Every structure is written in C-alpha cells, then in structure tokens.
C-alpha cells in the first residue's frame, strides 16, 4: 500500500527528531516467545529487530528465547527463559536464570567501535520503511547507493496497462552496457560491472498511451569493501540471528540495495516474522 505524503513527511520528522539521540548499542536479532523491558511499573514488550538504546533490565518469559547482538563487537548473547538480564552498554549481565550462550557472529571491525551517527540515521530510515511502494512510475533500486553485487537486480514499480518495459544500463561516457525488454518489473542482467565505477540506468514503460520513464544511478563498491562484507556474510552462515545482524549491517554501512535483497531472502524463509517481512518491502 502506498504511503501518503503526510506519512512520509511525519516519518522524516521522526528521523530528524531522533538523529540527535545517542545511537543504540545493541539490537534484538532473534526472539521466540515473549520478552519485556522493565521500565518502571509497566513492562514494555520487546520485538524482533528492536534496538537497545539505553541500559535496560529485561525479563525473558519461560520457554522464550532471546538473542541480543552488540554493534561494537558483533557478539551475540542468547538467553533462554525464565531469565532476568541487565543489558548494559559493554555487555549483558544475567541477574537470574541460565548463563548466556555468547558467540561472535561477525569478523573483526564489521561495525568496529559501534554505530556512527550516519549509520544510526540510515537504520532509522530503514525502520520507518521509507522504501514503501511509490504511487507513480519510479525505480525501486539500485539507486543513490553503493552496491556490492556485480550483477544486481534492477527493479521498478509497475505501470497500469503497460505491455512491457525496456531496461537500459549505461556505463562510462554514457555507453550502453545492456538493453533488454521484459514483461516483469525486475531484471537481473549479466553485466560484469567494475568495482568503483558509477553507473546509471533507465526503464521505459512500453505500450502505454503516454510514454513514461524512470531513472536510477549507483556505484559498485570497491574490492576491499566487497570482500569485507562477503567475509561477514560467510560468518553469518544460516542462523537467523547472525543473518538479521548482517542485513542490518548492510543498511548501516550504506548498502541499501544489497540489504533489501537480504531482507527479501529472509522473508521468503521466515514468512511468519512480520518485522522481517516489513523490512523486505
């Protein structure tokens, strides 16, 4: 469902208002059952992909499982309920219950030193789902971002009545690298893009009364960045908590297009996790 201009404007104000606040030190990367932040007399229910911004005492219900991952060092702490845990900024401390199962799920320096203000801003934007379906013909991505994949998927919104779409990808000096037509609103051509280079692309709606086009541009990340994030993906493996942290790190590091692809893959595997499905849109 398309977001209204008012909703996006309000979301923008929320991001701006929160930008001055301290960045969170950890996030909830997996949650089965229910867990609560103890804040005064009224506990607050925690949710998957929620951020921990201040030292907090947490209660994990019996039979529930909670995974908390720290941004500064990539350590994931797994708690089994019943338990009470003090989530402090350096590391959690178990007050009552079993000791945490702790393991490092990222290579060194994945987000070394914790989130910067720019990284926190990107995560705030992702949290309010600024990439909602657009009301007019437009590119979905890649656009205005760095890209890790050498053969990214190009995606755009649909046009009512269109018989198909023409995709054109341009390289240096506006040379056409690829041109193709499709009836779908996404295409992944074999391009062999070069690291560090900037590319632009456009898509035309075919068979409509009034011609419409949409344009996008992106840069392929350099080899060092691509290898660093590839190492983190290998470290993540198949575990949900590590994979959600990897997708979040992609967003924090500015790889919005690759992050969305990762969330889409997770949403296909975990369709009953609403927070993950929301991030994939």
Protein backbone atom coordinates (compact mmCIF):
# COMPACT_ATOMS: atom_id res chain seq x y z
CA UNK A 1 0.00 0.00 0.00
CA UNK A 2 1.39 3.38 -0.98
CA UNK A 3 2.37 5.69 1.84
CA UNK A 4 0.80 9.11 1.74
CA UNK A 5 2.90 12.26 1.54
CA UNK A 6 1.79 13.07 5.08
CA UNK A 7 3.04 9.73 6.40
CA UNK A 8 6.44 10.09 4.77
CA UNK A 9 6.68 13.71 5.97
CA UNK A 10 5.87 12.60 9.51
CA UNK A 11 8.38 9.75 9.28
CA UNK A 12 11.00 12.24 8.13
CA UNK A 13 10.30 14.42 11.14
CA UNK A 14 10.67 11.39 13.39
CA UNK A 15 14.06 10.58 11.91
CA UNK A 16 15.21 14.19 12.23
CA UNK A 17 13.99 14.43 15.80
CA UNK A 18 15.78 11.23 16.82
CA UNK A 19 19.00 11.98 14.93
CA UNK A 20 20.44 13.88 17.86
CA UNK A 21 19.88 10.99 20.27
CA UNK A 22 22.64 8.56 21.12
CA UNK A 23 22.89 5.57 18.81
CA UNK A 24 21.83 2.19 20.20
CA UNK A 25 24.48 -0.22 21.41
CA UNK A 26 22.66 -3.47 20.60
CA UNK A 27 19.68 -4.95 18.77
CA UNK A 28 17.33 -7.91 19.09
CA UNK A 29 18.38 -10.32 16.36
CA UNK A 30 16.12 -13.25 17.26
CA UNK A 31 13.11 -13.70 19.51
CA UNK A 32 10.92 -16.72 20.13
CA UNK A 33 8.16 -16.22 22.68
CA UNK A 34 7.95 -13.02 24.70
CA UNK A 35 10.48 -10.81 26.46
CA UNK A 36 9.99 -7.50 28.26
CA UNK A 37 11.95 -4.37 29.08
CA UNK A 38 11.35 -3.50 32.72
CA UNK A 39 10.66 0.24 32.76
CA UNK A 40 9.05 1.37 35.98
CA UNK A 41 5.79 -0.38 36.85
CA UNK A 42 4.81 -1.13 33.26
CA UNK A 43 6.95 -3.65 31.31
CA UNK A 44 7.38 -2.94 27.59
CA UNK A 45 7.12 -5.87 25.20
CA UNK A 46 10.23 -6.33 23.07
CA UNK A 47 10.07 -7.12 19.37
CA UNK A 48 12.30 -8.65 16.74
CA UNK A 49 14.79 -6.17 15.23
CA UNK A 50 14.24 -3.71 18.07
CA UNK A 51 17.17 -1.52 19.16
CA UNK A 52 18.56 -1.25 22.68
CA UNK A 53 19.39 2.44 23.15
CA UNK A 54 19.85 2.65 26.91
CA UNK A 55 20.94 0.25 29.67
CA UNK A 56 17.83 -1.81 30.35
CA UNK A 57 16.71 -4.69 32.53
CA UNK A 58 14.97 -7.41 30.51
CA UNK A 59 12.68 -10.25 31.57
CA UNK A 60 12.55 -13.34 29.35
CA UNK A 61 9.39 -15.43 29.79
CA UNK A 62 9.58 -19.18 30.49
CA UNK A 63 10.26 -21.19 27.31
CA UNK A 64 11.11 -17.99 25.41
CA UNK A 65 14.44 -17.39 23.69
CA UNK A 66 16.08 -14.02 23.10
CA UNK A 67 19.19 -13.11 21.09
CA UNK A 68 20.86 -9.73 21.60
CA UNK A 69 23.76 -8.65 19.37
CA UNK A 70 26.12 -5.79 20.23
CA UNK A 71 27.11 -3.41 17.42
CA UNK A 72 30.59 -2.58 18.73
CA UNK A 73 31.96 -6.13 18.74
CA UNK A 74 29.48 -8.35 16.88
CA UNK A 75 28.90 -10.55 19.96
CA UNK A 76 25.55 -12.32 20.10
CA UNK A 77 24.18 -13.28 23.51
CA UNK A 78 21.46 -15.94 23.62
CA UNK A 79 19.17 -16.13 26.65
CA UNK A 80 16.68 -18.88 27.50
CA UNK A 81 13.76 -18.07 29.78
CA UNK A 82 12.87 -17.73 32.50
CA UNK A 83 15.59 -15.15 33.00
CA UNK A 84 16.26 -11.57 34.05
CA UNK A 85 19.11 -9.77 32.34
CA UNK A 86 20.69 -6.35 32.72
CA UNK A 87 21.57 -5.12 29.23
CA UNK A 88 24.49 -2.81 29.91
CA UNK A 89 26.32 -0.89 27.20
CA UNK A 90 29.51 -3.01 27.37
CA UNK A 91 27.93 -6.45 27.82
CA UNK A 92 24.84 -8.02 29.37
CA UNK A 93 24.77 -9.43 32.90
CA UNK A 94 22.43 -12.25 33.95
CA UNK A 95 20.59 -11.38 37.14
CA UNK A 96 18.53 -14.56 37.35
CA UNK A 97 18.45 -17.64 35.14
CA UNK A 98 20.88 -19.56 32.94
CA UNK A 99 24.14 -18.01 31.81
CA UNK A 100 24.11 -16.58 28.30
CA UNK A 101 25.38 -18.56 25.35
CA UNK A 102 27.76 -15.99 23.82
CA UNK A 103 29.45 -16.14 20.44
CA UNK A 104 30.97 -13.74 17.95
CA UNK A 105 28.99 -13.70 14.71
CA UNK A 106 30.98 -11.15 12.70
CA UNK A 107 34.59 -10.75 11.56
CA UNK A 108 36.69 -8.11 13.26
CA UNK A 109 35.75 -4.48 12.57
CA UNK A 110 32.37 -5.24 10.98
CA UNK A 111 31.00 -2.23 12.84
CA UNK A 112 34.08 -1.59 14.94
CA UNK A 113 33.50 0.85 17.79
CA UNK A 114 29.72 0.83 17.45
CA UNK A 115 27.33 2.82 15.29
CA UNK A 116 28.24 6.26 13.99
CA UNK A 117 25.57 8.97 13.77
CA UNK A 118 25.31 8.42 10.00
CA UNK A 119 24.86 4.67 10.43
CA UNK A 120 22.16 5.21 13.05
CA UNK A 121 20.38 7.64 10.72
CA UNK A 122 20.33 5.00 7.97
CA UNK A 123 18.88 2.43 10.35
CA UNK A 124 16.20 4.86 11.49
CA UNK A 125 15.20 5.43 7.87
CA UNK A 126 15.05 1.69 7.29
CA UNK A 127 12.92 1.23 10.42
CA UNK A 128 10.19 3.58 9.19
CA UNK A 129 10.20 1.76 5.83
CA UNK A 130 10.98 4.74 3.61
CA UNK A 131 11.26 2.33 0.70
CA UNK A 132 7.47 1.83 0.59
CA UNK A 133 5.74 1.25 -2.73
CA UNK A 134 5.62 4.51 -4.68
CA UNK A 135 2.46 5.99 -6.14
CA UNK A 136 3.97 6.77 -9.56
CA UNK A 137 6.34 5.08 -12.00
CA UNK A 138 9.76 5.05 -10.36
CA UNK A 139 12.86 2.94 -9.87
CA UNK A 140 13.00 0.83 -6.72
CA UNK A 141 16.73 0.12 -6.97
CA UNK A 142 19.60 0.20 -7.16
CA UNK A 143 19.51 3.97 -6.82
CA UNK A 144 21.52 6.51 -4.81
CA UNK A 145 23.54 3.77 -3.14
CA UNK A 146 26.71 1.74 -3.30
CA UNK A 147 26.18 -1.84 -4.50
CA UNK A 148 28.14 -4.96 -3.60
CA UNK A 149 26.74 -7.40 -6.16
CA UNK A 150 28.43 -7.24 -9.55
CA UNK A 151 25.20 -8.35 -11.18
CA UNK A 152 22.45 -6.55 -9.22
CA UNK A 153 18.75 -6.97 -9.83
CA UNK A 154 17.13 -3.85 -11.32
CA UNK A 155 13.61 -3.22 -10.03
CA UNK A 156 10.93 -0.63 -10.70
CA UNK A 157 7.24 -0.04 -9.95
CA UNK A 158 4.54 -1.26 -12.32
CA UNK A 159 2.54 0.91 -14.71
CA UNK A 160 -1.14 0.12 -15.30
CA UNK A 161 -1.71 -1.04 -18.86
CA UNK A 162 1.97 -1.40 -19.75
CA UNK A 163 2.72 -4.18 -22.22
CA UNK A 164 6.30 -4.44 -21.01
CA UNK A 165 9.38 -2.47 -20.02
CA UNK A 166 12.71 -1.58 -21.64
CA UNK A 167 15.77 -1.53 -19.38
CA UNK A 168 18.91 0.34 -20.47
CA UNK A 169 22.09 0.35 -18.37
CA UNK A 170 24.80 2.95 -19.07
CA UNK A 171 28.48 2.88 -18.20
CA UNK A 172 31.25 5.43 -18.62
CA UNK A 173 30.68 8.20 -21.20
CA UNK A 174 27.02 7.10 -21.46
CA UNK A 175 27.98 3.93 -23.31
CA UNK A 176 25.13 1.43 -23.36
CA UNK A 177 26.18 -1.71 -21.49
CA UNK A 178 22.89 -3.55 -21.72
CA UNK A 179 19.46 -3.13 -23.26
CA UNK A 180 16.58 -5.56 -22.89
CA UNK A 181 12.80 -5.76 -22.69
CA UNK A 182 10.74 -7.70 -20.20
CA UNK A 183 7.13 -8.07 -19.10
CA UNK A 184 8.20 -8.15 -15.45
CA UNK A 185 9.11 -5.22 -13.20
CA UNK A 186 12.55 -6.60 -12.35
CA UNK A 187 15.52 -7.92 -14.30
CA UNK A 188 18.98 -9.22 -13.39
CA UNK A 189 21.18 -8.97 -16.49
CA UNK A 190 24.70 -10.38 -16.72
CA UNK A 191 26.80 -7.20 -16.77
CA UNK A 192 30.18 -7.80 -15.14
CA UNK A 193 30.29 -4.33 -13.57
CA UNK A 194 33.62 -2.88 -12.47
CA UNK A 195 34.39 -2.01 -8.81
CA UNK A 196 34.50 1.69 -8.01
CA UNK A 197 32.64 2.71 -11.18
CA UNK A 198 29.42 4.73 -11.31
CA UNK A 199 26.52 3.53 -13.46
CA UNK A 200 23.14 4.88 -14.38
CA UNK A 201 20.08 3.19 -15.79
CA UNK A 202 16.61 3.92 -17.03
CA UNK A 203 13.45 1.97 -17.65
CA UNK A 204 10.68 2.84 -20.13
CA UNK A 205 7.10 1.63 -19.88
CA UNK A 206 6.01 0.16 -23.23
CA UNK A 207 2.58 0.11 -24.80
CA UNK A 208 1.12 2.97 -22.76
CA UNK A 209 -0.66 5.98 -24.20
CA UNK A 210 1.68 8.49 -22.60
CA UNK A 211 5.39 7.44 -22.57
CA UNK A 212 6.91 7.35 -19.09
CA UNK A 213 10.47 6.68 -17.95
CA UNK A 214 12.27 6.36 -14.62
CA UNK A 215 15.98 6.74 -13.88
CA UNK A 216 18.44 5.45 -11.32
CA UNK A 217 22.15 5.63 -10.56
CA UNK A 218 24.54 3.71 -8.32
CA UNK A 219 28.21 2.93 -7.70
CA UNK A 220 29.73 -0.54 -7.49
CA UNK A 221 31.66 -0.83 -4.22
CA UNK A 222 35.42 -1.31 -4.36
CA UNK A 223 37.00 -4.74 -3.93
CA UNK A 224 38.05 -4.17 -0.31
CA UNK A 225 34.50 -3.29 0.77
CA UNK A 226 33.03 -6.19 -1.20
CA UNK A 227 35.44 -8.68 0.37
CA UNK A 228 34.85 -7.29 3.88
CA UNK A 229 31.08 -7.71 3.59
CA UNK A 230 31.45 -11.09 1.85
CA UNK A 231 33.50 -12.28 4.85
CA UNK A 232 30.76 -11.11 7.17
CA UNK A 233 28.13 -12.97 5.13
CA UNK A 234 30.21 -16.15 5.32
CA UNK A 235 30.49 -15.69 9.09
CA UNK A 236 26.71 -15.27 9.39
CA UNK A 237 26.06 -18.73 7.96
CA UNK A 238 22.43 -19.87 8.15
CA UNK A 239 21.47 -18.82 11.69
CA UNK A 240 18.64 -16.28 11.81
CA UNK A 241 20.21 -14.01 14.43
CA UNK A 242 23.50 -13.69 12.57
CA UNK A 243 21.76 -13.15 9.24
CA UNK A 244 19.50 -10.39 10.56
CA UNK A 245 22.55 -8.66 12.01
CA UNK A 246 24.31 -8.98 8.65
CA UNK A 247 21.33 -7.41 6.84
CA UNK A 248 21.24 -4.62 9.42
CA UNK A 249 24.96 -4.03 8.98
CA UNK A 250 24.46 -3.68 5.23
CA UNK A 251 21.92 -0.93 5.90
CA UNK A 252 24.18 0.79 8.43
CA UNK A 253 27.14 0.71 6.03
CA UNK A 254 25.11 2.29 3.21
CA UNK A 255 24.43 -0.77 1.04
CA UNK A 256 20.66 -0.30 0.95
CA UNK A 257 20.09 -2.29 -2.24
CA UNK A 258 22.01 -5.34 -1.03
CA UNK A 259 20.31 -5.06 2.37
CA UNK A 260 16.88 -5.17 0.76
CA UNK A 261 17.88 -8.26 -1.22
CA UNK A 262 18.99 -9.90 2.04
CA UNK A 263 15.73 -9.00 3.79
CA UNK A 264 13.75 -10.39 0.84
CA UNK A 265 15.64 -13.68 1.09
CA UNK A 266 14.98 -13.82 4.84
CA UNK A 267 11.29 -13.00 4.32
CA UNK A 268 10.94 -15.96 1.95
CA UNK A 269 12.45 -18.28 4.57
CA UNK A 270 10.70 -16.74 7.59
CA UNK A 271 7.29 -15.52 6.31
CA UNK A 272 5.84 -15.58 9.83
CA UNK A 273 8.27 -12.94 11.12
CA UNK A 274 6.36 -9.68 10.45
CA UNK A 275 9.29 -7.38 11.22
CA UNK A 276 11.45 -9.15 8.64
CA UNK A 277 8.69 -9.12 6.03
CA UNK A 278 8.21 -5.38 6.61
CA UNK A 279 11.92 -4.69 6.08
CA UNK A 280 11.86 -6.60 2.78
CA UNK A 281 9.34 -4.29 1.11
